[in-house]
Amino acid sequence: AQFNAFSKIVSHESGWNPSATNSSSGAYGLVQALPASKMASAGTDWKTNPATQIKWGLDYMNSRYGSPVKAWNFWQANGWY
C-alpha cells in the first residue's frame, strides 16, 4: 500500500521523470521538491540519481505526513502535497 501511494504521487508529480522541472515554481525531480536543493540532504547526486530522489521523497512523506499513504490522501484532497 505504501509503495502504491508513493507511486501515485510520483506519477502525478513528475511522470517518473527524475529531471522533471516545474517551469513556474522550479520544483524538481520525481517528487517535485521545492526548493530542489533540499534533496541534497539525501545525497550529493540528487540532481541525477532517482534512488536519491526516492530516498528524500520517502523521508519527506514520512516526516511531514506520517507515511506515503497519508501523503497520497492529502494529495487527493488538495492536488498537491
PDB file of N, CA and C in Angstrom:
ATOM      1  N   ALA A   1       0.829  -1.208   0.000  1.00  0.00           N
ATOM      2  CA  ALA A   1       0.000   0.000   0.000  1.00  0.00           C
ATOM      3  C   ALA A   1       0.868   1.264   0.000  1.00  0.00           C
ATOM      4  N   GLN A   2       1.981   1.227   0.760  1.00  0.00           N
ATOM      5  CA  GLN A   2       2.845   2.408   0.829  1.00  0.00           C
ATOM      6  C   GLN A   2       3.508   2.677  -0.527  1.00  0.00           C
ATOM      7  N   PHE A   3       4.009   1.624  -1.180  1.00  0.00           N
ATOM      8  CA  PHE A   3       4.624   1.827  -2.495  1.00  0.00           C
ATOM      9  C   PHE A   3       3.591   2.320  -3.495  1.00  0.00           C
ATOM     10  N   ASN A   4       2.407   1.757  -3.476  1.00  0.00           N
ATOM     11  CA  ASN A   4       1.350   2.164  -4.398  1.00  0.00           C
ATOM     12  C   ASN A   4       1.039   3.647  -4.232  1.00  0.00           C
ATOM     13  N   ALA A   5       0.935   4.107  -2.999  1.00  0.00           N
ATOM     14  CA  ALA A   5       0.657   5.517  -2.735  1.00  0.00           C
ATOM     15  C   ALA A   5       1.820   6.388  -3.205  1.00  0.00           C
ATOM     16  N   PHE A   6       3.054   5.975  -2.915  1.00  0.00           N
ATOM     17  CA  PHE A   6       4.229   6.716  -3.359  1.00  0.00           C
ATOM     18  C   PHE A   6       4.241   6.799  -4.885  1.00  0.00           C
ATOM     19  N   SER A   7       3.977   5.681  -5.540  1.00  0.00           N
ATOM     20  CA  SER A   7       3.978   5.632  -6.996  1.00  0.00           C
ATOM     21  C   SER A   7       2.926   6.561  -7.597  1.00  0.00           C
ATOM     22  N   LYS A   8       1.765   6.632  -6.988  1.00  0.00           N
ATOM     23  CA  LYS A   8       0.711   7.515  -7.494  1.00  0.00           C
ATOM     24  C   LYS A   8       1.139   8.974  -7.397  1.00  0.00           C
ATOM     25  N   ILE A   9       1.752   9.343  -6.294  1.00  0.00           N
ATOM     26  CA  ILE A   9       2.215  10.729  -6.140  1.00  0.00           C
ATOM     27  C   ILE A   9       3.271  11.039  -7.199  1.00  0.00           C
ATOM     28  N   VAL A  10       4.260  10.157  -7.334  1.00  0.00           N
ATOM     29  CA  VAL A  10       5.330  10.397  -8.304  1.00  0.00           C
ATOM     30  C   VAL A  10       4.766  10.442  -9.726  1.00  0.00           C
ATOM     31  N   SER A  11       3.838   9.566 -10.039  1.00  0.00           N
ATOM     32  CA  SER A  11       3.229   9.577 -11.376  1.00  0.00           C
ATOM     33  C   SER A  11       2.564  10.907 -11.668  1.00  0.00           C
ATOM     34  N   HIS A  12       1.838  11.431 -10.701  1.00  0.00           N
ATOM     35  CA  HIS A  12       1.157  12.718 -10.880  1.00  0.00           C
ATOM     36  C   HIS A  12       2.127  13.886 -10.899  1.00  0.00           C
ATOM     37  N   GLU A  13       3.124  13.839 -10.038  1.00  0.00           N
ATOM     38  CA  GLU A  13       4.043  14.970  -9.898  1.00  0.00           C
ATOM     39  C   GLU A  13       5.039  15.080 -11.050  1.00  0.00           C
ATOM     40  N   SER A  14       5.589  13.948 -11.496  1.00  0.00           N
ATOM     41  CA  SER A  14       6.689  14.008 -12.468  1.00  0.00           C
ATOM     42  C   SER A  14       6.600  12.993 -13.593  1.00  0.00           C
ATOM     43  N   GLY A  15       5.621  12.102 -13.558  1.00  0.00           N
ATOM     44  CA  GLY A  15       5.572  11.039 -14.557  1.00  0.00           C
ATOM     45  C   GLY A  15       6.788  10.123 -14.492  1.00  0.00           C
ATOM     46  N   TRP A  16       7.378  10.005 -13.317  1.00  0.00           N
ATOM     47  CA  TRP A  16       8.580   9.200 -13.072  1.00  0.00           C
ATOM     48  C   TRP A  16       9.779   9.709 -13.866  1.00  0.00           C
ATOM     49  N   ASN A  17       9.815  11.009 -14.136  1.00  0.00           N
ATOM     50  CA  ASN A  17      10.953  11.630 -14.817  1.00  0.00           C
ATOM     51  C   ASN A  17      11.826  12.308 -13.765  1.00  0.00           C
ATOM     52  N   PRO A  18      13.029  11.768 -13.495  1.00  0.00           N
ATOM     53  CA  PRO A  18      13.865  12.326 -12.433  1.00  0.00           C
ATOM     54  C   PRO A  18      14.392  13.733 -12.721  1.00  0.00           C
ATOM     55  N   SER A  19      14.274  14.193 -13.952  1.00  0.00           N
ATOM     56  CA  SER A  19      14.712  15.564 -14.258  1.00  0.00           C
ATOM     57  C   SER A  19      13.535  16.491 -14.547  1.00  0.00           C
ATOM     58  N   ALA A  20      12.326  16.070 -14.192  1.00  0.00           N
ATOM     59  CA  ALA A  20      11.146  16.909 -14.392  1.00  0.00           C
ATOM     60  C   ALA A  20      11.308  18.211 -13.616  1.00  0.00           C
ATOM     61  N   THR A  21      11.002  19.316 -14.274  1.00  0.00           N
ATOM     62  CA  THR A  21      11.115  20.631 -13.648  1.00  0.00           C
ATOM     63  C   THR A  21       9.834  21.405 -13.883  1.00  0.00           C
ATOM     64  N   ASN A  22       9.279  21.957 -12.816  1.00  0.00           N
ATOM     65  CA  ASN A  22       8.100  22.799 -12.931  1.00  0.00           C
ATOM     66  C   ASN A  22       8.568  24.190 -13.351  1.00  0.00           C
ATOM     67  N   SER A  23       8.127  24.629 -14.524  1.00  0.00           N
ATOM     68  CA  SER A  23       8.631  25.889 -15.071  1.00  0.00           C
ATOM     69  C   SER A  23       8.190  27.106 -14.267  1.00  0.00           C
ATOM     70  N   SER A  24       7.086  27.007 -13.548  1.00  0.00           N
ATOM     71  CA  SER A  24       6.648  28.180 -12.781  1.00  0.00           C
ATOM     72  C   SER A  24       7.206  28.224 -11.367  1.00  0.00           C
ATOM     73  N   SER A  25       7.327  27.069 -10.714  1.00  0.00           N
ATOM     74  CA  SER A  25       7.789  27.070  -9.322  1.00  0.00           C
ATOM     75  C   SER A  25       9.260  26.689  -9.174  1.00  0.00           C
ATOM     76  N   GLY A  26       9.795  25.951 -10.130  1.00  0.00           N
ATOM     77  CA  GLY A  26      11.159  25.452 -10.009  1.00  0.00           C
ATOM     78  C   GLY A  26      11.253  24.123  -9.289  1.00  0.00           C
ATOM     79  N   ALA A  27      10.108  23.550  -8.881  1.00  0.00           N
ATOM     80  CA  ALA A  27      10.130  22.237  -8.236  1.00  0.00           C
ATOM     81  C   ALA A  27      10.791  21.241  -9.187  1.00  0.00           C
ATOM     82  N   TYR A  28      11.512  20.271  -8.617  1.00  0.00           N
ATOM     83  CA  TYR A  28      12.363  19.410  -9.437  1.00  0.00           C
ATOM     84  C   TYR A  28      12.308  17.961  -8.997  1.00  0.00           C
ATOM     85  N   GLY A  29      12.465  17.079  -9.971  1.00  0.00           N
ATOM     86  CA  GLY A  29      12.676  15.671  -9.695  1.00  0.00           C
ATOM     87  C   GLY A  29      11.415  14.848  -9.603  1.00  0.00           C
ATOM     88  N   LEU A  30      11.601  13.592  -9.232  1.00  0.00           N
ATOM     89  CA  LEU A  30      10.497  12.644  -9.140  1.00  0.00           C
ATOM     90  C   LEU A  30       9.399  13.129  -8.215  1.00  0.00           C
ATOM     91  N   VAL A  31       9.804  13.716  -7.092  1.00  0.00           N
ATOM     92  CA  VAL A  31       8.821  14.121  -6.080  1.00  0.00           C
ATOM     93  C   VAL A  31       8.584  15.628  -6.066  1.00  0.00           C
ATOM     94  N   GLN A  32       9.175  16.342  -7.050  1.00  0.00           N
ATOM     95  CA  GLN A  32       8.981  17.777  -7.200  1.00  0.00           C
ATOM     96  C   GLN A  32       9.298  18.550  -5.923  1.00  0.00           C
ATOM     97  N   ALA A  33      10.515  18.366  -5.442  1.00  0.00           N
ATOM     98  CA  ALA A  33      10.991  19.076  -4.248  1.00  0.00           C
ATOM     99  C   ALA A  33      11.112  20.569  -4.540  1.00  0.00           C
ATOM    100  N   LEU A  34      10.753  21.366  -3.556  1.00  0.00           N
ATOM    101  CA  LEU A  34      10.833  22.822  -3.686  1.00  0.00           C
ATOM    102  C   LEU A  34      11.320  23.420  -2.376  1.00  0.00           C
ATOM    103  N   PRO A  35      12.466  24.057  -2.332  1.00  0.00           N
ATOM    104  CA  PRO A  35      13.412  24.140  -3.442  1.00  0.00           C
ATOM    105  C   PRO A  35      14.072  22.785  -3.684  1.00  0.00           C
ATOM    106  N   ALA A  36      14.478  22.588  -4.901  1.00  0.00           N
ATOM    107  CA  ALA A  36      15.056  21.304  -5.300  1.00  0.00           C
ATOM    108  C   ALA A  36      16.269  20.940  -4.466  1.00  0.00           C
ATOM    109  N   SER A  37      17.030  21.935  -4.060  1.00  0.00           N
ATOM    110  CA  SER A  37      18.271  21.688  -3.323  1.00  0.00           C
ATOM    111  C   SER A  37      18.039  20.999  -1.977  1.00  0.00           C
ATOM    112  N   LYS A  38      16.806  20.967  -1.491  1.00  0.00           N
ATOM    113  CA  LYS A  38      16.514  20.239  -0.256  1.00  0.00           C
ATOM    114  C   LYS A  38      16.915  18.775  -0.373  1.00  0.00           C
ATOM    115  N   MET A  39      16.864  18.237  -1.599  1.00  0.00           N
ATOM    116  CA  MET A  39      17.181  16.822  -1.790  1.00  0.00           C
ATOM    117  C   MET A  39      18.648  16.515  -1.548  1.00  0.00           C
ATOM    118  N   ALA A  40      19.489  17.535  -1.467  1.00  0.00           N
ATOM    119  CA  ALA A  40      20.909  17.314  -1.192  1.00  0.00           C
ATOM    120  C   ALA A  40      21.115  16.628   0.151  1.00  0.00           C
ATOM    121  N   SER A  41      20.147  16.751   1.049  1.00  0.00           N
ATOM    122  CA  SER A  41      20.265  16.085   2.349  1.00  0.00           C
ATOM    123  C   SER A  41      20.263  14.563   2.210  1.00  0.00           C
ATOM    124  N   ALA A  42      19.790  14.057   1.067  1.00  0.00           N
ATOM    125  CA  ALA A  42      19.767  12.602   0.838  1.00  0.00           C
ATOM    126  C   ALA A  42      20.970  12.131   0.041  1.00  0.00           C
ATOM    127  N   GLY A  43      21.722  13.062  -0.549  1.00  0.00           N
ATOM    128  CA  GLY A  43      22.897  12.684  -1.320  1.00  0.00           C
ATOM    129  C   GLY A  43      23.309  13.772  -2.288  1.00  0.00           C
ATOM    130  N   THR A  44      24.587  13.845  -2.555  1.00  0.00           N
ATOM    131  CA  THR A  44      25.099  14.894  -3.435  1.00  0.00           C
ATOM    132  C   THR A  44      24.709  14.676  -4.895  1.00  0.00           C
ATOM    133  N   ASP A  45      24.263  13.477  -5.223  1.00  0.00           N
ATOM    134  CA  ASP A  45      23.877  13.164  -6.603  1.00  0.00           C
ATOM    135  C   ASP A  45      22.380  13.347  -6.847  1.00  0.00           C
ATOM    136  N   TRP A  46      21.719  14.156  -6.030  1.00  0.00           N
ATOM    137  CA  TRP A  46      20.270  14.302  -6.089  1.00  0.00           C
ATOM    138  C   TRP A  46      19.754  14.775  -7.441  1.00  0.00           C
ATOM    139  N   LYS A  47      20.549  15.520  -8.198  1.00  0.00           N
ATOM    140  CA  LYS A  47      20.083  16.031  -9.496  1.00  0.00           C
ATOM    141  C   LYS A  47      19.946  14.926 -10.533  1.00  0.00           C
ATOM    142  N   THR A  48      20.722  13.861 -10.393  1.00  0.00           N
ATOM    143  CA  THR A  48      20.784  12.844 -11.441  1.00  0.00           C
ATOM    144  C   THR A  48      20.430  11.434 -10.993  1.00  0.00           C
ATOM    145  N   ASN A  49      20.336  11.188  -9.698  1.00  0.00           N
ATOM    146  CA  ASN A  49      20.110   9.829  -9.212  1.00  0.00           C
ATOM    147  C   ASN A  49      18.681   9.653  -8.702  1.00  0.00           C
ATOM    148  N   PRO A  50      17.864   8.899  -9.437  1.00  0.00           N
ATOM    149  CA  PRO A  50      16.482   8.676  -8.991  1.00  0.00           C
ATOM    150  C   PRO A  50      16.403   8.030  -7.609  1.00  0.00           C
ATOM    151  N   ALA A  51      17.362   7.157  -7.275  1.00  0.00           N
ATOM    152  CA  ALA A  51      17.337   6.499  -5.959  1.00  0.00           C
ATOM    153  C   ALA A  51      17.488   7.517  -4.837  1.00  0.00           C
ATOM    154  N   THR A  52      18.339   8.511  -5.038  1.00  0.00           N
ATOM    155  CA  THR A  52      18.500   9.569  -4.034  1.00  0.00           C
ATOM    156  C   THR A  52      17.216  10.374  -3.908  1.00  0.00           C
ATOM    157  N   GLN A  53      16.586  10.666  -5.026  1.00  0.00           N
ATOM    158  CA  GLN A  53      15.324  11.407  -5.000  1.00  0.00           C
ATOM    159  C   GLN A  53      14.227  10.599  -4.301  1.00  0.00           C
ATOM    160  N   ILE A  54      14.198   9.303  -4.540  1.00  0.00           N
ATOM    161  CA  ILE A  54      13.208   8.442  -3.872  1.00  0.00           C
ATOM    162  C   ILE A  54      13.456   8.427  -2.373  1.00  0.00           C
ATOM    163  N   LYS A  55      14.720   8.290  -1.969  1.00  0.00           N
ATOM    164  CA  LYS A  55      15.042   8.295  -0.539  1.00  0.00           C
ATOM    165  C   LYS A  55      14.562   9.592   0.100  1.00  0.00           C
ATOM    166  N   TRP A  56      14.872  10.726  -0.522  1.00  0.00           N
ATOM    167  CA  TRP A  56      14.452  12.005   0.034  1.00  0.00           C
ATOM    168  C   TRP A  56      12.921  12.095   0.076  1.00  0.00           C
ATOM    169  N   GLY A  57      12.274  11.670  -0.996  1.00  0.00           N
ATOM    170  CA  GLY A  57      10.814  11.737  -1.053  1.00  0.00           C
ATOM    171  C   GLY A  57      10.148  10.908   0.022  1.00  0.00           C
ATOM    172  N   LEU A  58      10.646   9.699   0.244  1.00  0.00           N
ATOM    173  CA  LEU A  58      10.081   8.859   1.300  1.00  0.00           C
ATOM    174  C   LEU A  58      10.302   9.474   2.671  1.00  0.00           C
ATOM    175  N   ASP A  59      11.517   9.996   2.904  1.00  0.00           N
ATOM    176  CA  ASP A  59      11.790  10.657   4.188  1.00  0.00           C
ATOM    177  C   ASP A  59      10.849  11.839   4.389  1.00  0.00           C
ATOM    178  N   TYR A  60      10.644  12.627   3.326  1.00  0.00           N
ATOM    179  CA  TYR A  60       9.751  13.791   3.409  1.00  0.00           C
ATOM    180  C   TYR A  60       8.313  13.362   3.713  1.00  0.00           C
ATOM    181  N   MET A  61       7.808  12.379   2.983  1.00  0.00           N
ATOM    182  CA  MET A  61       6.424  11.929   3.192  1.00  0.00           C
ATOM    183  C   MET A  61       6.236  11.366   4.596  1.00  0.00           C
ATOM    184  N   ASN A  62       7.233  10.615   5.071  1.00  0.00           N
ATOM    185  CA  ASN A  62       7.130  10.036   6.412  1.00  0.00           C
ATOM    186  C   ASN A  62       7.208  11.108   7.498  1.00  0.00           C
ATOM    187  N   SER A  63       8.084  12.093   7.317  1.00  0.00           N
ATOM    188  CA  SER A  63       8.229  13.106   8.364  1.00  0.00           C
ATOM    189  C   SER A  63       7.076  14.112   8.341  1.00  0.00           C
ATOM    190  N   ARG A  64       6.599  14.494   7.171  1.00  0.00           N
ATOM    191  CA  ARG A  64       5.547  15.510   7.102  1.00  0.00           C
ATOM    192  C   ARG A  64       4.148  14.933   7.292  1.00  0.00           C
ATOM    193  N   TYR A  65       3.895  13.755   6.722  1.00  0.00           N
ATOM    194  CA  TYR A  65       2.532  13.200   6.729  1.00  0.00           C
ATOM    195  C   TYR A  65       2.387  11.920   7.550  1.00  0.00           C
ATOM    196  N   GLY A  66       3.495  11.269   7.862  1.00  0.00           N
ATOM    197  CA  GLY A  66       3.434  10.029   8.622  1.00  0.00           C
ATOM    198  C   GLY A  66       3.633   8.792   7.773  1.00  0.00           C
ATOM    199  N   SER A  67       3.340   8.890   6.472  1.00  0.00           N
ATOM    200  CA  SER A  67       3.520   7.760   5.558  1.00  0.00           C
ATOM    201  C   SER A  67       3.178   8.217   4.143  1.00  0.00           C
ATOM    202  N   PRO A  68       3.612   7.457   3.134  1.00  0.00           N
ATOM    203  CA  PRO A  68       3.183   7.775   1.772  1.00  0.00           C
ATOM    204  C   PRO A  68       1.666   7.683   1.583  1.00  0.00           C
ATOM    205  N   VAL A  69       1.007   6.739   2.261  1.00  0.00           N
ATOM    206  CA  VAL A  69      -0.454   6.641   2.147  1.00  0.00           C
ATOM    207  C   VAL A  69      -1.113   7.925   2.647  1.00  0.00           C
ATOM    208  N   LYS A  70      -0.649   8.434   3.768  1.00  0.00           N
ATOM    209  CA  LYS A  70      -1.217   9.675   4.294  1.00  0.00           C
ATOM    210  C   LYS A  70      -0.884  10.853   3.392  1.00  0.00           C
ATOM    211  N   ALA A  71       0.300  10.851   2.783  1.00  0.00           N
ATOM    212  CA  ALA A  71       0.661  11.903   1.825  1.00  0.00           C
ATOM    213  C   ALA A  71      -0.251  11.832   0.607  1.00  0.00           C
ATOM    214  N   TRP A  72      -0.552  10.633   0.129  1.00  0.00           N
ATOM    215  CA  TRP A  72      -1.449  10.461  -1.018  1.00  0.00           C
ATOM    216  C   TRP A  72      -2.865  10.914  -0.674  1.00  0.00           C
ATOM    217  N   ASN A  73      -3.316  10.611   0.528  1.00  0.00           N
ATOM    218  CA  ASN A  73      -4.640  11.086   0.946  1.00  0.00           C
ATOM    219  C   ASN A  73      -4.696  12.611   0.911  1.00  0.00           C
ATOM    220  N   PHE A  74      -3.639  13.255   1.395  1.00  0.00           N
ATOM    221  CA  PHE A  74      -3.563  14.715   1.354  1.00  0.00           C
ATOM    222  C   PHE A  74      -3.532  15.194  -0.095  1.00  0.00           C
ATOM    223  N   TRP A  75      -2.763  14.541  -0.932  1.00  0.00           N
ATOM    224  CA  TRP A  75      -2.663  14.925  -2.344  1.00  0.00           C
ATOM    225  C   TRP A  75      -4.037  14.852  -3.007  1.00  0.00           C
ATOM    226  N   GLN A  76      -4.765  13.767  -2.737  1.00  0.00           N
ATOM    227  CA  GLN A  76      -6.095  13.611  -3.337  1.00  0.00           C
ATOM    228  C   GLN A  76      -7.044  14.728  -2.910  1.00  0.00           C
ATOM    229  N   ALA A  77      -6.918  15.170  -1.678  1.00  0.00           N
ATOM    230  CA  ALA A  77      -7.814  16.209  -1.165  1.00  0.00           C
ATOM    231  C   ALA A  77      -7.413  17.611  -1.651  1.00  0.00           C
ATOM    232  N   ASN A  78      -6.112  17.783  -1.958  1.00  0.00           N
ATOM    233  CA  ASN A  78      -5.608  19.141  -2.238  1.00  0.00           C
ATOM    234  C   ASN A  78      -4.977  19.330  -3.614  1.00  0.00           C
ATOM    235  N   GLY A  79      -4.641  18.231  -4.296  1.00  0.00           N
ATOM    236  CA  GLY A  79      -3.986  18.338  -5.590  1.00  0.00           C
ATOM    237  C   GLY A  79      -2.502  18.647  -5.505  1.00  0.00           C
ATOM    238  N   TRP A  80      -1.955  18.594  -4.308  1.00  0.00           N
ATOM    239  CA  TRP A  80      -0.525  18.797  -4.054  1.00  0.00           C
ATOM    240  C   TRP A  80      -0.229  18.158  -2.710  1.00  0.00           C
ATOM    241  N   TYR A  81       1.047  18.089  -2.364  1.00  0.00           N
ATOM    242  CA  TYR A  81       1.417  17.539  -1.051  1.00  0.00           C
ATOM    243  C   TYR A  81       2.630  18.250  -0.523  1.00  0.00           C
TER     244      TYR A  81
END
